[in-house]
Amino acid sequence: VFVSDLPIGLFGLAYAVAFFLSNTFFRDGQMTIGEIY
């Protein structure tokens, strides 16, 4: 079960990290909408 749930947890963390960094960089003007996409 842990192996099967690994992608869900791993990508949940990856999306959370990507969202947090993208939001920070976009507000600071360091990243565009296209780069976030």
Full PDB file with SEQRES, HELIX, SHEET, SSBOND, CRYST1, ORIGX, SCALE, CONECT and MASTER records, all heavy atoms in Angstrom:
SEQRES   1 A   37  VAL PHE VAL SER ASP LEU PRO ILE GLY LEU PHE GLY LEU          
SEQRES   2 A   37  ALA TYR ALA VAL ALA PHE PHE LEU SER ASN THR PHE PHE          
SEQRES   3 A   37  ARG ASP GLY GLN MET THR ILE GLY GLU ILE TYR                  
HELIX    1 AA1 PHE A    2  ARG A   27  1                                  26    
HELIX    2 AA2 ILE A   33  ILE A   36  1                                   4    
CRYST1    1.000    1.000    1.000  90.00  90.00  90.00 P 1           1          
ORIGX1      1.000000  0.000000  0.000000        0.00000                         
ORIGX2      0.000000  1.000000  0.000000        0.00000                         
ORIGX3      0.000000  0.000000  1.000000        0.00000                         
SCALE1      1.000000  0.000000  0.000000        0.00000                         
SCALE2      0.000000  1.000000  0.000000        0.00000                         
SCALE3      0.000000  0.000000  1.000000        0.00000                         
ATOM      1  N   VAL A   1       0.838  -1.208   0.000  1.00  0.00           N  
ATOM      2  CA  VAL A   1       0.000   0.000   0.000  1.00  0.00           C  
ATOM      3  C   VAL A   1       0.869   1.253   0.000  1.00  0.00           C  
ATOM      4  O   VAL A   1       0.553   2.248  -0.669  1.00  0.00           O  
ATOM      5  CB  VAL A   1      -0.940  -0.019   1.226  1.00  0.00           C  
ATOM      6  CG1 VAL A   1      -1.590   1.346   1.434  1.00  0.00           C  
ATOM      7  CG2 VAL A   1      -2.006  -1.081   1.034  1.00  0.00           C  
ATOM      8  N   PHE A   2       1.983   1.214   0.737  1.00  0.00           N  
ATOM      9  CA  PHE A   2       2.869   2.383   0.786  1.00  0.00           C  
ATOM     10  C   PHE A   2       3.461   2.665  -0.593  1.00  0.00           C  
ATOM     11  O   PHE A   2       3.616   3.817  -0.995  1.00  0.00           O  
ATOM     12  CB  PHE A   2       3.987   2.153   1.800  1.00  0.00           C  
ATOM     13  CG  PHE A   2       3.521   2.141   3.222  1.00  0.00           C  
ATOM     14  CD1 PHE A   2       3.328   0.952   3.893  1.00  0.00           C  
ATOM     15  CD2 PHE A   2       3.262   3.328   3.894  1.00  0.00           C  
ATOM     16  CE1 PHE A   2       2.889   0.935   5.200  1.00  0.00           C  
ATOM     17  CE2 PHE A   2       2.832   3.330   5.205  1.00  0.00           C  
ATOM     18  CZ  PHE A   2       2.630   2.132   5.861  1.00  0.00           C  
ATOM     19  N   VAL A   3       3.787   1.610  -1.322  1.00  0.00           N  
ATOM     20  CA  VAL A   3       4.327   1.804  -2.664  1.00  0.00           C  
ATOM     21  C   VAL A   3       3.254   2.396  -3.583  1.00  0.00           C  
ATOM     22  O   VAL A   3       3.526   3.291  -4.393  1.00  0.00           O  
ATOM     23  CB  VAL A   3       4.847   0.465  -3.227  1.00  0.00           C  
ATOM     24  CG1 VAL A   3       5.391   0.638  -4.638  1.00  0.00           C  
ATOM     25  CG2 VAL A   3       5.933  -0.094  -2.324  1.00  0.00           C  
ATOM     26  N   SER A   4       2.029   1.887  -3.471  1.00  0.00           N  
ATOM     27  CA  SER A   4       0.945   2.380  -4.324  1.00  0.00           C  
ATOM     28  C   SER A   4       0.603   3.836  -4.020  1.00  0.00           C  
ATOM     29  O   SER A   4       0.224   4.598  -4.920  1.00  0.00           O  
ATOM     30  CB  SER A   4      -0.303   1.506  -4.126  1.00  0.00           C  
ATOM     31  OG  SER A   4      -0.018   0.158  -4.445  1.00  0.00           O  
ATOM     32  N   ASP A   5       0.727   4.208  -2.753  1.00  0.00           N  
ATOM     33  CA  ASP A   5       0.384   5.583  -2.372  1.00  0.00           C  
ATOM     34  C   ASP A   5       1.530   6.560  -2.573  1.00  0.00           C  
ATOM     35  O   ASP A   5       1.356   7.774  -2.393  1.00  0.00           O  
ATOM     36  CB  ASP A   5      -0.048   5.630  -0.895  1.00  0.00           C  
ATOM     37  CG  ASP A   5      -1.387   4.939  -0.681  1.00  0.00           C  
ATOM     38  OD1 ASP A   5      -2.108   4.744  -1.681  1.00  0.00           O  
ATOM     39  OD2 ASP A   5      -1.700   4.586   0.471  1.00  0.00           O  
ATOM     40  N   LEU A   6       2.711   6.032  -2.929  1.00  0.00           N  
ATOM     41  CA  LEU A   6       3.871   6.914  -3.068  1.00  0.00           C  
ATOM     42  C   LEU A   6       3.654   8.031  -4.099  1.00  0.00           C  
ATOM     43  O   LEU A   6       3.941   9.195  -3.800  1.00  0.00           O  
ATOM     44  CB  LEU A   6       5.113   6.087  -3.435  1.00  0.00           C  
ATOM     45  CG  LEU A   6       6.397   6.885  -3.704  1.00  0.00           C  
ATOM     46  CD1 LEU A   6       6.813   7.651  -2.443  1.00  0.00           C  
ATOM     47  CD2 LEU A   6       7.515   5.959  -4.166  1.00  0.00           C  
ATOM     48  N   PRO A   7       3.165   7.745  -5.316  1.00  0.00           N  
ATOM     49  CA  PRO A   7       2.986   8.850  -6.277  1.00  0.00           C  
ATOM     50  C   PRO A   7       2.021   9.917  -5.794  1.00  0.00           C  
ATOM     51  O   PRO A   7       2.216  11.115  -6.048  1.00  0.00           O  
ATOM     52  CB  PRO A   7       2.443   8.134  -7.526  1.00  0.00           C  
ATOM     53  CG  PRO A   7       2.887   6.719  -7.376  1.00  0.00           C  
ATOM     54  CD  PRO A   7       2.837   6.444  -5.920  1.00  0.00           C  
ATOM     55  N   ILE A   8       0.963   9.478  -5.085  1.00  0.00           N  
ATOM     56  CA  ILE A   8      -0.013  10.455  -4.605  1.00  0.00           C  
ATOM     57  C   ILE A   8       0.639  11.413  -3.613  1.00  0.00           C  
ATOM     58  O   ILE A   8       0.532  12.648  -3.728  1.00  0.00           O  
ATOM     59  CB  ILE A   8      -1.209   9.735  -3.955  1.00  0.00           C  
ATOM     60  CG1 ILE A   8      -1.905   8.830  -4.988  1.00  0.00           C  
ATOM     61  CG2 ILE A   8      -2.182  10.737  -3.352  1.00  0.00           C  
ATOM     62  CD1 ILE A   8      -3.006   7.968  -4.401  1.00  0.00           C  
ATOM     63  N   GLY A   9       1.330  10.863  -2.620  1.00  0.00           N  
ATOM     64  CA  GLY A   9       1.988  11.716  -1.631  1.00  0.00           C  
ATOM     65  C   GLY A   9       3.117  12.522  -2.222  1.00  0.00           C  
ATOM     66  O   GLY A   9       3.271  13.723  -1.916  1.00  0.00           O  
ATOM     67  N   LEU A  10       3.916  11.891  -3.091  1.00  0.00           N  
ATOM     68  CA  LEU A  10       5.078  12.573  -3.652  1.00  0.00           C  
ATOM     69  C   LEU A  10       4.656  13.735  -4.534  1.00  0.00           C  
ATOM     70  O   LEU A  10       5.196  14.848  -4.425  1.00  0.00           O  
ATOM     71  CB  LEU A  10       5.923  11.564  -4.445  1.00  0.00           C  
ATOM     72  CG  LEU A  10       7.258  12.077  -4.977  1.00  0.00           C  
ATOM     73  CD1 LEU A  10       8.167  12.485  -3.824  1.00  0.00           C  
ATOM     74  CD2 LEU A  10       7.933  11.002  -5.825  1.00  0.00           C  
ATOM     75  N   PHE A  11       3.686  13.504  -5.397  1.00  0.00           N  
ATOM     76  CA  PHE A  11       3.249  14.582  -6.280  1.00  0.00           C  
ATOM     77  C   PHE A  11       2.411  15.613  -5.548  1.00  0.00           C  
ATOM     78  O   PHE A  11       2.350  16.784  -5.952  1.00  0.00           O  
ATOM     79  CB  PHE A  11       2.495  14.017  -7.482  1.00  0.00           C  
ATOM     80  CG  PHE A  11       3.407  13.504  -8.551  1.00  0.00           C  
ATOM     81  CD1 PHE A  11       3.703  12.162  -8.632  1.00  0.00           C  
ATOM     82  CD2 PHE A  11       4.002  14.371  -9.451  1.00  0.00           C  
ATOM     83  CE1 PHE A  11       4.552  11.683  -9.605  1.00  0.00           C  
ATOM     84  CE2 PHE A  11       4.855  13.912 -10.429  1.00  0.00           C  
ATOM     85  CZ  PHE A  11       5.148  12.554 -10.512  1.00  0.00           C  
ATOM     86  N   GLY A  12       1.757  15.198  -4.452  1.00  0.00           N  
ATOM     87  CA  GLY A  12       1.080  16.198  -3.634  1.00  0.00           C  
ATOM     88  C   GLY A  12       2.078  17.193  -3.060  1.00  0.00           C  
ATOM     89  O   GLY A  12       1.855  18.417  -3.111  1.00  0.00           O  
ATOM     90  N   LEU A  13       3.220  16.655  -2.564  1.00  0.00           N  
ATOM     91  CA  LEU A  13       4.275  17.536  -2.068  1.00  0.00           C  
ATOM     92  C   LEU A  13       4.885  18.373  -3.193  1.00  0.00           C  
ATOM     93  O   LEU A  13       5.176  19.560  -3.023  1.00  0.00           O  
ATOM     94  CB  LEU A  13       5.378  16.703  -1.398  1.00  0.00           C  
ATOM     95  CG  LEU A  13       5.045  16.104  -0.032  1.00  0.00           C  
ATOM     96  CD1 LEU A  13       6.164  15.198   0.433  1.00  0.00           C  
ATOM     97  CD2 LEU A  13       4.811  17.222   0.994  1.00  0.00           C  
ATOM     98  N   ALA A  14       5.076  17.738  -4.355  1.00  0.00           N  
ATOM     99  CA  ALA A  14       5.679  18.465  -5.480  1.00  0.00           C  
ATOM    100  C   ALA A  14       4.787  19.616  -5.921  1.00  0.00           C  
ATOM    101  O   ALA A  14       5.264  20.740  -6.182  1.00  0.00           O  
ATOM    102  CB  ALA A  14       5.919  17.496  -6.639  1.00  0.00           C  
ATOM    103  N   TYR A  15       3.493  19.382  -6.015  1.00  0.00           N  
ATOM    104  CA  TYR A  15       2.574  20.450  -6.411  1.00  0.00           C  
ATOM    105  C   TYR A  15       2.548  21.561  -5.354  1.00  0.00           C  
ATOM    106  O   TYR A  15       2.455  22.756  -5.688  1.00  0.00           O  
ATOM    107  CB  TYR A  15       1.167  19.894  -6.614  1.00  0.00           C  
ATOM    108  CG  TYR A  15       0.992  19.183  -7.939  1.00  0.00           C  
ATOM    109  CD1 TYR A  15       0.540  17.873  -7.993  1.00  0.00           C  
ATOM    110  CD2 TYR A  15       1.258  19.837  -9.150  1.00  0.00           C  
ATOM    111  CE1 TYR A  15       0.380  17.219  -9.202  1.00  0.00           C  
ATOM    112  CE2 TYR A  15       1.092  19.202 -10.362  1.00  0.00           C  
ATOM    113  CZ  TYR A  15       0.657  17.889 -10.383  1.00  0.00           C  
ATOM    114  OH  TYR A  15       0.499  17.250 -11.585  1.00  0.00           O  
ATOM    115  N   ALA A  16       2.609  21.137  -4.070  1.00  0.00           N  
ATOM    116  CA  ALA A  16       2.602  22.141  -3.005  1.00  0.00           C  
ATOM    117  C   ALA A  16       3.852  23.020  -3.082  1.00  0.00           C  
ATOM    118  O   ALA A  16       3.784  24.255  -2.971  1.00  0.00           O  
ATOM    119  CB  ALA A  16       2.509  21.458  -1.644  1.00  0.00           C  
ATOM    120  N   VAL A  17       5.027  22.391  -3.290  1.00  0.00           N  
ATOM    121  CA  VAL A  17       6.274  23.147  -3.414  1.00  0.00           C  
ATOM    122  C   VAL A  17       6.225  24.052  -4.640  1.00  0.00           C  
ATOM    123  O   VAL A  17       6.597  25.247  -4.591  1.00  0.00           O  
ATOM    124  CB  VAL A  17       7.476  22.192  -3.493  1.00  0.00           C  
ATOM    125  CG1 VAL A  17       8.751  22.963  -3.851  1.00  0.00           C  
ATOM    126  CG2 VAL A  17       7.657  21.469  -2.164  1.00  0.00           C  
ATOM    127  N   ALA A  18       5.739  23.500  -5.767  1.00  0.00           N  
ATOM    128  CA  ALA A  18       5.677  24.285  -7.001  1.00  0.00           C  
ATOM    129  C   ALA A  18       4.719  25.463  -6.843  1.00  0.00           C  
ATOM    130  O   ALA A  18       5.004  26.580  -7.302  1.00  0.00           O  
ATOM    131  CB  ALA A  18       5.240  23.392  -8.166  1.00  0.00           C  
ATOM    132  N   PHE A  19       3.565  25.232  -6.201  1.00  0.00           N  
ATOM    133  CA  PHE A  19       2.605  26.314  -6.016  1.00  0.00           C  
ATOM    134  C   PHE A  19       3.183  27.399  -5.113  1.00  0.00           C  
ATOM    135  O   PHE A  19       3.047  28.600  -5.400  1.00  0.00           O  
ATOM    136  CB  PHE A  19       1.314  25.758  -5.415  1.00  0.00           C  
ATOM    137  CG  PHE A  19       0.247  26.790  -5.218  1.00  0.00           C  
ATOM    138  CD1 PHE A  19      -0.562  27.186  -6.272  1.00  0.00           C  
ATOM    139  CD2 PHE A  19       0.072  27.388  -3.973  1.00  0.00           C  
ATOM    140  CE1 PHE A  19      -1.539  28.150  -6.078  1.00  0.00           C  
ATOM    141  CE2 PHE A  19      -0.899  28.352  -3.790  1.00  0.00           C  
ATOM    142  CZ  PHE A  19      -1.714  28.729  -4.850  1.00  0.00           C  
ATOM    143  N   PHE A  20       3.819  26.995  -4.014  1.00  0.00           N  
ATOM    144  CA  PHE A  20       4.372  27.981  -3.089  1.00  0.00           C  
ATOM    145  C   PHE A  20       5.474  28.811  -3.761  1.00  0.00           C  
ATOM    146  O   PHE A  20       5.468  30.051  -3.691  1.00  0.00           O  
ATOM    147  CB  PHE A  20       4.936  27.274  -1.855  1.00  0.00           C  
ATOM    148  CG  PHE A  20       5.664  28.182  -0.913  1.00  0.00           C  
ATOM    149  CD1 PHE A  20       4.970  29.021  -0.043  1.00  0.00           C  
ATOM    150  CD2 PHE A  20       7.063  28.229  -0.891  1.00  0.00           C  
ATOM    151  CE1 PHE A  20       5.643  29.871   0.821  1.00  0.00           C  
ATOM    152  CE2 PHE A  20       7.730  29.071  -0.039  1.00  0.00           C  
ATOM    153  CZ  PHE A  20       7.025  29.897   0.833  1.00  0.00           C  
ATOM    154  N   LEU A  21       6.401  28.153  -4.452  1.00  0.00           N  
ATOM    155  CA  LEU A  21       7.492  28.884  -5.095  1.00  0.00           C  
ATOM    156  C   LEU A  21       6.987  29.736  -6.249  1.00  0.00           C  
ATOM    157  O   LEU A  21       7.423  30.884  -6.434  1.00  0.00           O  
ATOM    158  CB  LEU A  21       8.563  27.901  -5.584  1.00  0.00           C  
ATOM    159  CG  LEU A  21       9.326  27.145  -4.492  1.00  0.00           C  
ATOM    160  CD1 LEU A  21      10.310  26.160  -5.118  1.00  0.00           C  
ATOM    161  CD2 LEU A  21      10.068  28.112  -3.576  1.00  0.00           C  
ATOM    162  N   SER A  22       6.055  29.175  -7.027  1.00  0.00           N  
ATOM    163  CA  SER A  22       5.527  29.937  -8.173  1.00  0.00           C  
ATOM    164  C   SER A  22       4.796  31.187  -7.706  1.00  0.00           C  
ATOM    165  O   SER A  22       4.927  32.268  -8.300  1.00  0.00           O  
ATOM    166  CB  SER A  22       4.579  29.052  -8.999  1.00  0.00           C  
ATOM    167  OG  SER A  22       5.260  27.937  -9.522  1.00  0.00           O  
ATOM    168  N   ASN A  23       4.016  31.035  -6.643  1.00  0.00           N  
ATOM    169  CA  ASN A  23       3.283  32.200  -6.122  1.00  0.00           C  
ATOM    170  C   ASN A  23       4.261  33.271  -5.635  1.00  0.00           C  
ATOM    171  O   ASN A  23       4.078  34.464  -5.915  1.00  0.00           O  
ATOM    172  CB  ASN A  23       2.376  31.739  -4.974  1.00  0.00           C  
ATOM    173  CG  ASN A  23       1.597  32.890  -4.368  1.00  0.00           C  
ATOM    174  OD1 ASN A  23       0.809  33.545  -5.065  1.00  0.00           O  
ATOM    175  ND2 ASN A  23       1.839  33.157  -3.090  1.00  0.00           N  
ATOM    176  N   THR A  24       5.304  32.826  -4.939  1.00  0.00           N  
ATOM    177  CA  THR A  24       6.303  33.793  -4.433  1.00  0.00           C  
ATOM    178  C   THR A  24       7.024  34.477  -5.589  1.00  0.00           C  
ATOM    179  O   THR A  24       7.183  35.710  -5.610  1.00  0.00           O  
ATOM    180  CB  THR A  24       7.309  33.078  -3.535  1.00  0.00           C  
ATOM    181  OG1 THR A  24       6.609  32.443  -2.447  1.00  0.00           O  
ATOM    182  CG2 THR A  24       8.325  34.060  -2.979  1.00  0.00           C  
ATOM    183  N   PHE A  25       7.474  33.698  -6.578  1.00  0.00           N  
ATOM    184  CA  PHE A  25       8.230  34.265  -7.688  1.00  0.00           C  
ATOM    185  C   PHE A  25       7.356  35.153  -8.564  1.00  0.00           C  
ATOM    186  O   PHE A  25       7.812  36.175  -9.094  1.00  0.00           O  
ATOM    187  CB  PHE A  25       8.848  33.147  -8.530  1.00  0.00           C  
ATOM    188  CG  PHE A  25       9.866  32.312  -7.772  1.00  0.00           C  
ATOM    189  CD1 PHE A  25      10.176  31.007  -8.182  1.00  0.00           C  
ATOM    190  CD2 PHE A  25      10.521  32.824  -6.661  1.00  0.00           C  
ATOM    191  CE1 PHE A  25      11.100  30.259  -7.493  1.00  0.00           C  
ATOM    192  CE2 PHE A  25      11.452  32.077  -5.972  1.00  0.00           C  
ATOM    193  CZ  PHE A  25      11.740  30.784  -6.384  1.00  0.00           C  
ATOM    194  N   PHE A  26       6.083  34.752  -8.728  1.00  0.00           N  
ATOM    195  CA  PHE A  26       5.196  35.571  -9.571  1.00  0.00           C  
ATOM    196  C   PHE A  26       4.921  36.928  -8.918  1.00  0.00           C  
ATOM    197  O   PHE A  26       4.909  37.961  -9.583  1.00  0.00           O  
ATOM    198  CB  PHE A  26       3.888  34.810  -9.804  1.00  0.00           C  
ATOM    199  CG  PHE A  26       2.909  35.573 -10.644  1.00  0.00           C  
ATOM    200  CD1 PHE A  26       3.094  35.697 -12.022  1.00  0.00           C  
ATOM    201  CD2 PHE A  26       1.802  36.200 -10.052  1.00  0.00           C  
ATOM    202  CE1 PHE A  26       2.184  36.407 -12.786  1.00  0.00           C  
ATOM    203  CE2 PHE A  26       0.910  36.908 -10.819  1.00  0.00           C  
ATOM    204  CZ  PHE A  26       1.087  37.013 -12.192  1.00  0.00           C  
ATOM    205  N   ARG A  27       4.705  36.929  -7.579  1.00  0.00           N  
ATOM    206  CA  ARG A  27       4.447  38.194  -6.889  1.00  0.00           C  
ATOM    207  C   ARG A  27       5.678  39.098  -6.937  1.00  0.00           C  
ATOM    208  O   ARG A  27       5.556  40.318  -6.981  1.00  0.00           O  
ATOM    209  CB  ARG A  27       4.056  37.934  -5.432  1.00  0.00           C  
ATOM    210  CG  ARG A  27       2.690  37.299  -5.279  1.00  0.00           C  
ATOM    211  CD  ARG A  27       2.368  37.066  -3.796  1.00  0.00           C  
ATOM    212  NE  ARG A  27       1.051  36.514  -3.617  1.00  0.00           N  
ATOM    213  CZ  ARG A  27      -0.078  37.245  -3.547  1.00  0.00           C  
ATOM    214  NH1 ARG A  27       0.015  38.565  -3.633  1.00  0.00           N  
ATOM    215  NH2 ARG A  27      -1.247  36.664  -3.398  1.00  0.00           N  
ATOM    216  N   ASP A  28       6.878  38.457  -6.909  1.00  0.00           N  
ATOM    217  CA  ASP A  28       8.096  39.267  -6.962  1.00  0.00           C  
ATOM    218  C   ASP A  28       8.477  39.627  -8.380  1.00  0.00           C  
ATOM    219  O   ASP A  28       9.502  40.305  -8.599  1.00  0.00           O  
ATOM    220  CB  ASP A  28       9.265  38.497  -6.316  1.00  0.00           C  
ATOM    221  CG  ASP A  28       9.049  38.297  -4.828  1.00  0.00           C  
ATOM    222  OD1 ASP A  28       8.224  39.011  -4.255  1.00  0.00           O  
ATOM    223  OD2 ASP A  28       9.710  37.383  -4.265  1.00  0.00           O  
ATOM    224  N   GLY A  29       7.678  39.160  -9.343  1.00  0.00           N  
ATOM    225  CA  GLY A  29       7.969  39.463 -10.745  1.00  0.00           C  
ATOM    226  C   GLY A  29       9.102  38.663 -11.329  1.00  0.00           C  
ATOM    227  O   GLY A  29       9.621  39.002 -12.395  1.00  0.00           O  
ATOM    228  N   GLN A  30       9.472  37.593 -10.663  1.00  0.00           N  
ATOM    229  CA  GLN A  30      10.584  36.776 -11.166  1.00  0.00           C  
ATOM    230  C   GLN A  30      10.120  35.665 -12.112  1.00  0.00           C  
ATOM    231  O   GLN A  30      10.959  34.971 -12.708  1.00  0.00           O  
ATOM    232  CB  GLN A  30      11.327  36.132  -9.987  1.00  0.00           C  
ATOM    233  CG  GLN A  30      11.903  37.135  -8.994  1.00  0.00           C  
ATOM    234  CD  GLN A  30      12.598  36.449  -7.837  1.00  0.00           C  
ATOM    235  OE1 GLN A  30      13.137  35.367  -7.996  1.00  0.00           O  
ATOM    236  NE2 GLN A  30      12.588  37.098  -6.667  1.00  0.00           N  
ATOM    237  N   MET A  31       8.790  35.487 -12.262  1.00  0.00           N  
ATOM    238  CA  MET A  31       8.290  34.400 -13.092  1.00  0.00           C  
ATOM    239  C   MET A  31       6.992  34.827 -13.741  1.00  0.00           C  
ATOM    240  O   MET A  31       6.159  35.503 -13.125  1.00  0.00           O  
ATOM    241  CB  MET A  31       8.084  33.143 -12.231  1.00  0.00           C  
ATOM    242  CG  MET A  31       7.765  31.881 -12.999  1.00  0.00           C  
ATOM    243  SD  MET A  31       7.749  30.433 -11.912  1.00  0.00           S  
ATOM    244  CE  MET A  31       9.485  30.298 -11.511  1.00  0.00           C  
ATOM    245  N   THR A  32       6.814  34.424 -15.016  1.00  0.00           N  
ATOM    246  CA  THR A  32       5.606  34.771 -15.747  1.00  0.00           C  
ATOM    247  C   THR A  32       4.581  33.651 -15.637  1.00  0.00           C  
ATOM    248  O   THR A  32       4.880  32.541 -15.156  1.00  0.00           O  
ATOM    249  CB  THR A  32       5.936  35.001 -17.222  1.00  0.00           C  
ATOM    250  OG1 THR A  32       6.383  33.757 -17.789  1.00  0.00           O  
ATOM    251  CG2 THR A  32       7.038  36.053 -17.381  1.00  0.00           C  
ATOM    252  N   ILE A  33       3.342  33.924 -16.098  1.00  0.00           N  
ATOM    253  CA  ILE A  33       2.290  32.906 -16.111  1.00  0.00           C  
ATOM    254  C   ILE A  33       2.705  31.716 -16.981  1.00  0.00           C  
ATOM    255  O   ILE A  33       2.455  30.554 -16.648  1.00  0.00           O  
ATOM    256  CB  ILE A  33       0.973  33.504 -16.623  1.00  0.00           C  
ATOM    257  CG1 ILE A  33       0.415  34.514 -15.613  1.00  0.00           C  
ATOM    258  CG2 ILE A  33      -0.050  32.403 -16.889  1.00  0.00           C  
ATOM    259  CD1 ILE A  33      -0.006  33.883 -14.309  1.00  0.00           C  
ATOM    260  N   GLY A  34       3.347  31.993 -18.104  1.00  0.00           N  
ATOM    261  CA  GLY A  34       3.799  30.907 -18.981  1.00  0.00           C  
ATOM    262  C   GLY A  34       4.807  30.007 -18.303  1.00  0.00           C  
ATOM    263  O   GLY A  34       4.775  28.773 -18.451  1.00  0.00           O  
ATOM    264  N   GLU A  35       5.710  30.585 -17.542  1.00  0.00           N  
ATOM    265  CA  GLU A  35       6.702  29.774 -16.846  1.00  0.00           C  
ATOM    266  C   GLU A  35       6.042  28.928 -15.737  1.00  0.00           C  
ATOM    267  O   GLU A  35       6.427  27.783 -15.510  1.00  0.00           O  
ATOM    268  CB  GLU A  35       7.770  30.669 -16.239  1.00  0.00           C  
ATOM    269  CG  GLU A  35       8.668  31.324 -17.288  1.00  0.00           C  
ATOM    270  CD  GLU A  35       9.602  32.349 -16.685  1.00  0.00           C  
ATOM    271  OE1 GLU A  35       9.211  32.983 -15.680  1.00  0.00           O  
ATOM    272  OE2 GLU A  35      10.706  32.514 -17.205  1.00  0.00           O  
ATOM    273  N   ILE A  36       5.029  29.510 -15.084  1.00  0.00           N  
ATOM    274  CA  ILE A  36       4.303  28.751 -14.063  1.00  0.00           C  
ATOM    275  C   ILE A  36       3.570  27.566 -14.702  1.00  0.00           C  
ATOM    276  O   ILE A  36       3.580  26.436 -14.186  1.00  0.00           O  
ATOM    277  CB  ILE A  36       3.317  29.669 -13.325  1.00  0.00           C  
ATOM    278  CG1 ILE A  36       4.093  30.719 -12.511  1.00  0.00           C  
ATOM    279  CG2 ILE A  36       2.405  28.853 -12.413  1.00  0.00           C  
ATOM    280  CD1 ILE A  36       3.208  31.741 -11.856  1.00  0.00           C  
ATOM    281  N   TYR A  37       2.942  27.829 -15.852  1.00  0.00           N  
ATOM    282  CA  TYR A  37       2.264  26.735 -16.569  1.00  0.00           C  
ATOM    283  C   TYR A  37       3.261  25.647 -16.934  1.00  0.00           C  
ATOM    284  O   TYR A  37       2.955  24.453 -16.822  1.00  0.00           O  
ATOM    285  CB  TYR A  37       1.590  27.276 -17.827  1.00  0.00           C  
ATOM    286  CG  TYR A  37       1.105  26.186 -18.756  1.00  0.00           C  
ATOM    287  CD1 TYR A  37      -0.060  25.477 -18.491  1.00  0.00           C  
ATOM    288  CD2 TYR A  37       1.855  25.834 -19.885  1.00  0.00           C  
ATOM    289  CE1 TYR A  37      -0.487  24.470 -19.323  1.00  0.00           C  
ATOM    290  CE2 TYR A  37       1.440  24.807 -20.725  1.00  0.00           C  
ATOM    291  CZ  TYR A  37       0.263  24.137 -20.440  1.00  0.00           C  
ATOM    292  OH  TYR A  37      -0.145  23.131 -21.272  1.00  0.00           O  
TER     293      TYR A  37                                                      
MASTER        0    0    0    2    0    0    0    6  292    1    0    3          
END                                                                             
